[in-house]
N, C-alpha and C. Protein backbone atom coordinates (compact mmCIF):
# COMPACT_ATOMS: atom_id res chain seq x y z
N UNK A 1 -44.47 -59.20 12.11
CA UNK A 1 -45.23 -60.04 11.21
C UNK A 1 -44.70 -61.46 11.31
N UNK A 2 -45.58 -62.41 11.03
CA UNK A 2 -45.21 -63.82 11.07
C UNK A 2 -45.70 -64.52 9.81
N UNK A 3 -44.93 -65.51 9.38
CA UNK A 3 -45.34 -66.42 8.33
C UNK A 3 -45.86 -67.67 9.00
N UNK A 4 -47.12 -68.00 8.76
CA UNK A 4 -47.69 -69.24 9.25
C UNK A 4 -47.66 -70.21 8.08
N UNK A 5 -46.98 -71.32 8.26
CA UNK A 5 -46.79 -72.32 7.21
C UNK A 5 -47.43 -73.62 7.68
N UNK A 6 -48.45 -74.06 6.96
CA UNK A 6 -49.14 -75.30 7.32
C UNK A 6 -48.95 -76.31 6.21
N UNK A 7 -48.58 -77.53 6.58
CA UNK A 7 -48.48 -78.63 5.62
C UNK A 7 -49.61 -79.59 5.97
N UNK A 8 -50.56 -79.75 5.02
CA UNK A 8 -51.78 -80.51 5.29
C UNK A 8 -52.08 -81.47 4.13
N UNK A 9 -52.98 -82.39 4.40
CA UNK A 9 -53.47 -83.28 3.35
C UNK A 9 -54.19 -82.47 2.29
N UNK A 10 -53.99 -82.83 1.03
CA UNK A 10 -54.54 -82.04 -0.07
C UNK A 10 -56.07 -82.01 -0.06
N UNK A 11 -56.70 -83.06 0.40
CA UNK A 11 -58.16 -83.08 0.38
C UNK A 11 -58.78 -82.25 1.49
N UNK A 12 -57.97 -81.62 2.34
CA UNK A 12 -58.48 -80.73 3.39
C UNK A 12 -58.42 -79.26 2.97
N UNK A 13 -57.93 -78.97 1.77
CA UNK A 13 -57.72 -77.58 1.35
C UNK A 13 -59.00 -76.75 1.40
N UNK A 14 -60.09 -77.25 0.87
CA UNK A 14 -61.33 -76.47 0.84
C UNK A 14 -61.78 -76.09 2.26
N UNK A 15 -61.69 -77.04 3.20
CA UNK A 15 -62.10 -76.74 4.58
C UNK A 15 -61.18 -75.69 5.20
N UNK A 16 -59.88 -75.79 4.94
CA UNK A 16 -58.95 -74.82 5.49
C UNK A 16 -59.20 -73.45 4.88
N UNK A 17 -59.37 -73.39 3.56
CA UNK A 17 -59.62 -72.11 2.89
C UNK A 17 -60.88 -71.45 3.42
N UNK A 18 -61.96 -72.21 3.53
CA UNK A 18 -63.22 -71.66 4.04
C UNK A 18 -63.07 -71.16 5.47
N UNK A 19 -62.33 -71.88 6.29
CA UNK A 19 -62.12 -71.47 7.68
C UNK A 19 -61.30 -70.18 7.76
N UNK A 20 -60.29 -70.05 6.92
CA UNK A 20 -59.48 -68.84 6.91
C UNK A 20 -60.29 -67.63 6.44
N UNK A 21 -61.08 -67.83 5.40
CA UNK A 21 -61.93 -66.74 4.90
C UNK A 21 -62.92 -66.31 5.99
N UNK A 22 -63.44 -67.28 6.73
CA UNK A 22 -64.42 -66.98 7.78
C UNK A 22 -63.85 -66.11 8.90
N UNK A 23 -62.52 -66.17 9.10
CA UNK A 23 -61.92 -65.31 10.15
C UNK A 23 -61.24 -64.09 9.54
N UNK A 24 -61.48 -63.84 8.25
CA UNK A 24 -61.03 -62.59 7.64
C UNK A 24 -59.71 -62.64 6.90
N UNK A 25 -59.14 -63.82 6.72
CA UNK A 25 -57.88 -63.92 5.97
C UNK A 25 -58.20 -63.82 4.49
N UNK A 26 -57.57 -62.86 3.81
CA UNK A 26 -57.88 -62.60 2.41
C UNK A 26 -56.82 -63.11 1.46
N UNK A 27 -55.65 -63.48 1.96
CA UNK A 27 -54.60 -63.93 1.06
C UNK A 27 -53.81 -65.08 1.64
N UNK A 28 -53.47 -66.02 0.77
CA UNK A 28 -52.64 -67.16 1.16
C UNK A 28 -51.98 -67.70 -0.10
N UNK A 29 -50.90 -68.41 0.07
CA UNK A 29 -50.23 -69.07 -1.03
C UNK A 29 -50.29 -70.57 -0.78
N UNK A 30 -50.64 -71.34 -1.81
CA UNK A 30 -50.74 -72.78 -1.69
C UNK A 30 -49.77 -73.41 -2.69
N UNK A 31 -48.98 -74.36 -2.21
CA UNK A 31 -48.01 -75.06 -3.04
C UNK A 31 -48.16 -76.56 -2.86
N UNK A 32 -47.95 -77.31 -3.93
CA UNK A 32 -47.91 -78.76 -3.83
C UNK A 32 -46.51 -79.15 -3.36
N UNK A 33 -46.44 -79.96 -2.31
CA UNK A 33 -45.17 -80.41 -1.75
C UNK A 33 -45.22 -81.91 -1.50
N UNK A 34 -44.08 -82.49 -1.20
CA UNK A 34 -44.00 -83.88 -0.80
C UNK A 34 -43.18 -83.98 0.46
N UNK A 35 -43.52 -84.91 1.32
CA UNK A 35 -42.76 -85.03 2.56
C UNK A 35 -42.87 -86.40 3.18
N UNK A 36 -42.04 -86.58 4.19
CA UNK A 36 -42.05 -87.80 4.99
C UNK A 36 -42.44 -87.37 6.40
N UNK A 37 -43.44 -88.01 6.95
CA UNK A 37 -43.92 -87.64 8.28
C UNK A 37 -43.06 -88.20 9.38
N UNK A 38 -43.33 -87.72 10.59
CA UNK A 38 -42.59 -88.20 11.75
C UNK A 38 -42.94 -89.63 12.10
N UNK A 39 -44.12 -90.05 11.67
CA UNK A 39 -44.56 -91.43 11.88
C UNK A 39 -45.09 -91.94 10.56
N UNK A 40 -44.81 -93.18 10.26
CA UNK A 40 -45.37 -93.73 9.03
C UNK A 40 -46.81 -94.14 9.28
N UNK A 41 -47.64 -93.91 8.27
CA UNK A 41 -49.07 -94.21 8.39
C UNK A 41 -49.28 -95.71 8.43
N UNK A 42 -50.09 -96.22 9.38
CA UNK A 42 -50.35 -97.65 9.40
C UNK A 42 -51.13 -98.06 8.16
N UNK A 43 -50.72 -99.13 7.55
CA UNK A 43 -51.43 -99.61 6.37
C UNK A 43 -51.06 -98.88 5.11
N UNK A 44 -50.06 -98.02 5.15
CA UNK A 44 -49.60 -97.36 3.93
C UNK A 44 -50.26 -96.03 3.68
N UNK A 45 -50.49 -95.74 2.42
CA UNK A 45 -50.97 -94.43 2.00
C UNK A 45 -52.48 -94.37 2.13
N UNK A 46 -53.01 -93.23 2.58
CA UNK A 46 -54.45 -93.05 2.71
C UNK A 46 -55.08 -92.77 1.36
N UNK A 47 -56.36 -93.11 1.18
CA UNK A 47 -57.05 -92.80 -0.07
C UNK A 47 -56.98 -91.31 -0.38
N UNK A 48 -56.78 -90.98 -1.64
CA UNK A 48 -56.72 -89.59 -2.05
C UNK A 48 -55.33 -89.00 -1.98
N UNK A 49 -54.35 -89.76 -1.49
CA UNK A 49 -52.98 -89.28 -1.45
C UNK A 49 -52.13 -90.14 -2.36
N UNK A 50 -50.99 -89.59 -2.74
CA UNK A 50 -50.07 -90.33 -3.57
C UNK A 50 -48.74 -90.40 -2.86
N UNK A 51 -48.01 -91.48 -3.13
CA UNK A 51 -46.69 -91.62 -2.54
C UNK A 51 -45.69 -91.87 -3.64
N UNK A 52 -44.58 -91.15 -3.59
CA UNK A 52 -43.52 -91.30 -4.57
C UNK A 52 -42.21 -91.50 -3.83
N UNK A 53 -41.62 -92.67 -3.95
CA UNK A 53 -40.34 -92.92 -3.31
C UNK A 53 -40.36 -92.71 -1.81
N UNK A 54 -41.46 -93.04 -1.15
CA UNK A 54 -41.57 -92.86 0.29
C UNK A 54 -42.07 -91.50 0.72
N UNK A 55 -42.23 -90.57 -0.21
CA UNK A 55 -42.74 -89.24 0.09
C UNK A 55 -44.24 -89.20 -0.17
N UNK A 56 -44.97 -88.47 0.65
CA UNK A 56 -46.41 -88.34 0.50
C UNK A 56 -46.75 -86.95 -0.01
N UNK A 57 -47.67 -86.88 -0.99
CA UNK A 57 -48.10 -85.59 -1.53
C UNK A 57 -48.90 -84.83 -0.48
N UNK A 58 -48.57 -83.56 -0.31
CA UNK A 58 -49.24 -82.67 0.64
C UNK A 58 -49.40 -81.30 0.02
N UNK A 59 -50.09 -80.43 0.72
CA UNK A 59 -50.17 -79.02 0.34
C UNK A 59 -49.53 -78.19 1.43
N UNK A 60 -48.84 -77.14 1.00
CA UNK A 60 -48.28 -76.17 1.94
C UNK A 60 -49.06 -74.88 1.77
N UNK A 61 -49.61 -74.39 2.87
CA UNK A 61 -50.39 -73.16 2.87
C UNK A 61 -49.59 -72.12 3.66
N UNK A 62 -49.23 -71.01 3.01
CA UNK A 62 -48.48 -69.94 3.65
C UNK A 62 -49.36 -68.72 3.79
N UNK A 63 -49.39 -68.15 5.00
CA UNK A 63 -50.15 -66.94 5.28
C UNK A 63 -49.25 -66.03 6.12
N UNK A 64 -49.09 -64.77 5.69
CA UNK A 64 -48.34 -63.80 6.48
C UNK A 64 -49.35 -62.93 7.21
N UNK A 65 -49.18 -62.83 8.54
CA UNK A 65 -50.15 -62.11 9.37
C UNK A 65 -49.43 -61.25 10.40
N UNK A 66 -50.20 -60.35 11.00
CA UNK A 66 -49.68 -59.56 12.12
C UNK A 66 -49.42 -60.50 13.29
N UNK A 67 -48.47 -60.15 14.12
CA UNK A 67 -48.08 -61.01 15.25
C UNK A 67 -49.27 -61.44 16.11
N UNK A 68 -50.20 -60.53 16.37
CA UNK A 68 -51.32 -60.82 17.24
C UNK A 68 -52.32 -61.83 16.69
N UNK A 69 -52.25 -62.12 15.40
CA UNK A 69 -53.20 -63.04 14.78
C UNK A 69 -52.71 -64.48 14.70
N UNK A 70 -51.47 -64.72 15.08
CA UNK A 70 -50.85 -66.04 14.88
C UNK A 70 -51.62 -67.16 15.56
N UNK A 71 -51.94 -67.02 16.83
CA UNK A 71 -52.61 -68.11 17.56
C UNK A 71 -53.96 -68.44 16.94
N UNK A 72 -54.74 -67.42 16.55
CA UNK A 72 -56.03 -67.66 15.92
C UNK A 72 -55.88 -68.40 14.59
N UNK A 73 -54.89 -68.01 13.80
CA UNK A 73 -54.67 -68.65 12.50
C UNK A 73 -54.27 -70.10 12.69
N UNK A 74 -53.35 -70.35 13.61
CA UNK A 74 -52.90 -71.73 13.86
C UNK A 74 -54.05 -72.61 14.35
N UNK A 75 -54.85 -72.08 15.27
CA UNK A 75 -56.00 -72.85 15.78
C UNK A 75 -57.00 -73.12 14.67
N UNK A 76 -57.28 -72.12 13.85
CA UNK A 76 -58.23 -72.26 12.75
C UNK A 76 -57.77 -73.33 11.77
N UNK A 77 -56.52 -73.28 11.38
CA UNK A 77 -56.00 -74.26 10.42
C UNK A 77 -56.01 -75.66 11.04
N UNK A 78 -55.57 -75.79 12.27
CA UNK A 78 -55.52 -77.09 12.93
C UNK A 78 -56.91 -77.72 13.03
N UNK A 79 -57.91 -76.91 13.38
CA UNK A 79 -59.27 -77.45 13.50
C UNK A 79 -59.83 -77.84 12.13
N UNK A 80 -59.57 -77.02 11.12
CA UNK A 80 -60.12 -77.31 9.78
C UNK A 80 -59.44 -78.50 9.13
N UNK A 81 -58.16 -78.71 9.41
CA UNK A 81 -57.41 -79.79 8.76
C UNK A 81 -57.43 -81.10 9.53
N UNK A 82 -58.01 -81.09 10.72
CA UNK A 82 -58.01 -82.29 11.56
C UNK A 82 -58.81 -83.42 10.93
N UNK A 83 -58.22 -84.61 10.93
CA UNK A 83 -58.88 -85.77 10.33
C UNK A 83 -58.88 -86.98 11.27
N UNK A 84 -58.19 -86.90 12.39
CA UNK A 84 -58.03 -88.01 13.33
C UNK A 84 -57.22 -89.16 12.74
N UNK A 85 -56.45 -88.88 11.69
CA UNK A 85 -55.58 -89.90 11.10
C UNK A 85 -54.13 -89.58 11.48
N UNK A 86 -53.30 -90.58 11.38
CA UNK A 86 -51.89 -90.41 11.67
C UNK A 86 -51.26 -89.44 10.69
N UNK A 87 -50.40 -88.58 11.21
CA UNK A 87 -49.59 -87.68 10.38
C UNK A 87 -50.43 -86.77 9.50
N UNK A 88 -51.36 -86.04 10.12
CA UNK A 88 -52.26 -85.14 9.38
C UNK A 88 -51.56 -83.90 8.86
N UNK A 89 -50.46 -83.52 9.46
CA UNK A 89 -49.75 -82.33 9.01
C UNK A 89 -49.12 -81.61 10.18
N UNK A 90 -48.53 -80.46 9.87
CA UNK A 90 -47.82 -79.67 10.86
C UNK A 90 -47.98 -78.19 10.52
N UNK A 91 -47.95 -77.35 11.54
CA UNK A 91 -48.01 -75.90 11.34
C UNK A 91 -46.79 -75.29 11.99
N UNK A 92 -46.11 -74.40 11.25
CA UNK A 92 -44.93 -73.71 11.75
C UNK A 92 -45.17 -72.21 11.69
N UNK A 93 -44.43 -71.46 12.49
CA UNK A 93 -44.42 -70.01 12.34
C UNK A 93 -42.97 -69.54 12.22
N UNK A 94 -42.79 -68.49 11.46
CA UNK A 94 -41.47 -67.90 11.27
C UNK A 94 -41.61 -66.38 11.26
N UNK A 95 -40.59 -65.70 11.72
CA UNK A 95 -40.59 -64.23 11.69
C UNK A 95 -40.45 -63.75 10.24
N UNK A 96 -41.18 -62.68 9.93
CA UNK A 96 -41.04 -61.99 8.64
C UNK A 96 -40.50 -60.61 8.96
N UNK A 97 -39.34 -60.32 8.46
CA UNK A 97 -38.69 -59.04 8.78
C UNK A 97 -39.24 -57.89 7.97
N UNK A 98 -39.65 -58.17 6.74
CA UNK A 98 -40.12 -57.10 5.88
C UNK A 98 -41.03 -57.67 4.79
N UNK A 99 -41.95 -56.87 4.33
CA UNK A 99 -42.83 -57.24 3.22
C UNK A 99 -43.02 -56.00 2.35
N UNK A 100 -43.12 -56.19 1.05
CA UNK A 100 -43.36 -55.09 0.11
C UNK A 100 -44.44 -55.52 -0.86
N UNK A 101 -45.51 -54.74 -0.96
CA UNK A 101 -46.52 -54.99 -1.98
C UNK A 101 -46.00 -54.37 -3.28
N UNK A 102 -45.77 -55.19 -4.27
CA UNK A 102 -45.11 -54.75 -5.51
C UNK A 102 -45.90 -53.64 -6.20
N UNK A 103 -47.22 -53.80 -6.31
CA UNK A 103 -48.03 -52.82 -7.04
C UNK A 103 -47.99 -51.43 -6.43
N UNK A 104 -48.08 -51.36 -5.09
CA UNK A 104 -48.20 -50.05 -4.43
C UNK A 104 -46.91 -49.57 -3.77
N UNK A 105 -45.99 -50.48 -3.51
CA UNK A 105 -44.79 -50.11 -2.79
C UNK A 105 -44.98 -50.08 -1.28
N UNK A 106 -46.20 -50.41 -0.80
CA UNK A 106 -46.45 -50.44 0.65
C UNK A 106 -45.49 -51.43 1.31
N UNK A 107 -45.05 -51.08 2.51
CA UNK A 107 -44.09 -51.91 3.23
C UNK A 107 -44.63 -52.30 4.60
N UNK A 108 -44.07 -53.37 5.12
CA UNK A 108 -44.44 -53.83 6.46
C UNK A 108 -45.87 -54.33 6.50
N UNK A 109 -46.55 -54.09 7.63
CA UNK A 109 -47.94 -54.56 7.79
C UNK A 109 -48.88 -53.94 6.78
N UNK A 110 -48.55 -52.75 6.26
CA UNK A 110 -49.40 -52.13 5.22
C UNK A 110 -49.41 -52.97 3.94
N UNK A 111 -48.38 -53.80 3.75
CA UNK A 111 -48.30 -54.64 2.55
C UNK A 111 -49.19 -55.87 2.66
N UNK A 112 -49.66 -56.17 3.86
CA UNK A 112 -50.50 -57.33 4.04
C UNK A 112 -51.89 -57.03 3.53
C-alpha cells in the first residue's frame, strides 16, 4: 500500500475531488497546511491564497491506495490541479506498512 500525499492550491480542491471520484477513489483526507515553495511566485501571492510570514496557504490531500494504483492517482491529481502557475504544488508517495479499519478490524488492503 502507498500513501499519496498531494499539496495543492486550495481553489483546486473541487477539481481534484471530482477527478478522484471519477476514477473510483472513495476516501481521502484533506488538511489545511502552509508552506514555502521551491520557487517564489512572481508578483507575490496569487488571488485566492493567503500568505502568513512567508508561508502560503495550501491543502494537503492524502489517499492510501494499493501499489498498482499509484501512477494513476498521481497523474489524475496532477492533471486536475494544474494551473500553469508557478509553484502549483507537489505530490509525494510513501510506503504504508499497515492499515486497520477501526469499525471492522479489517487490516491491510481490506481496510482500504
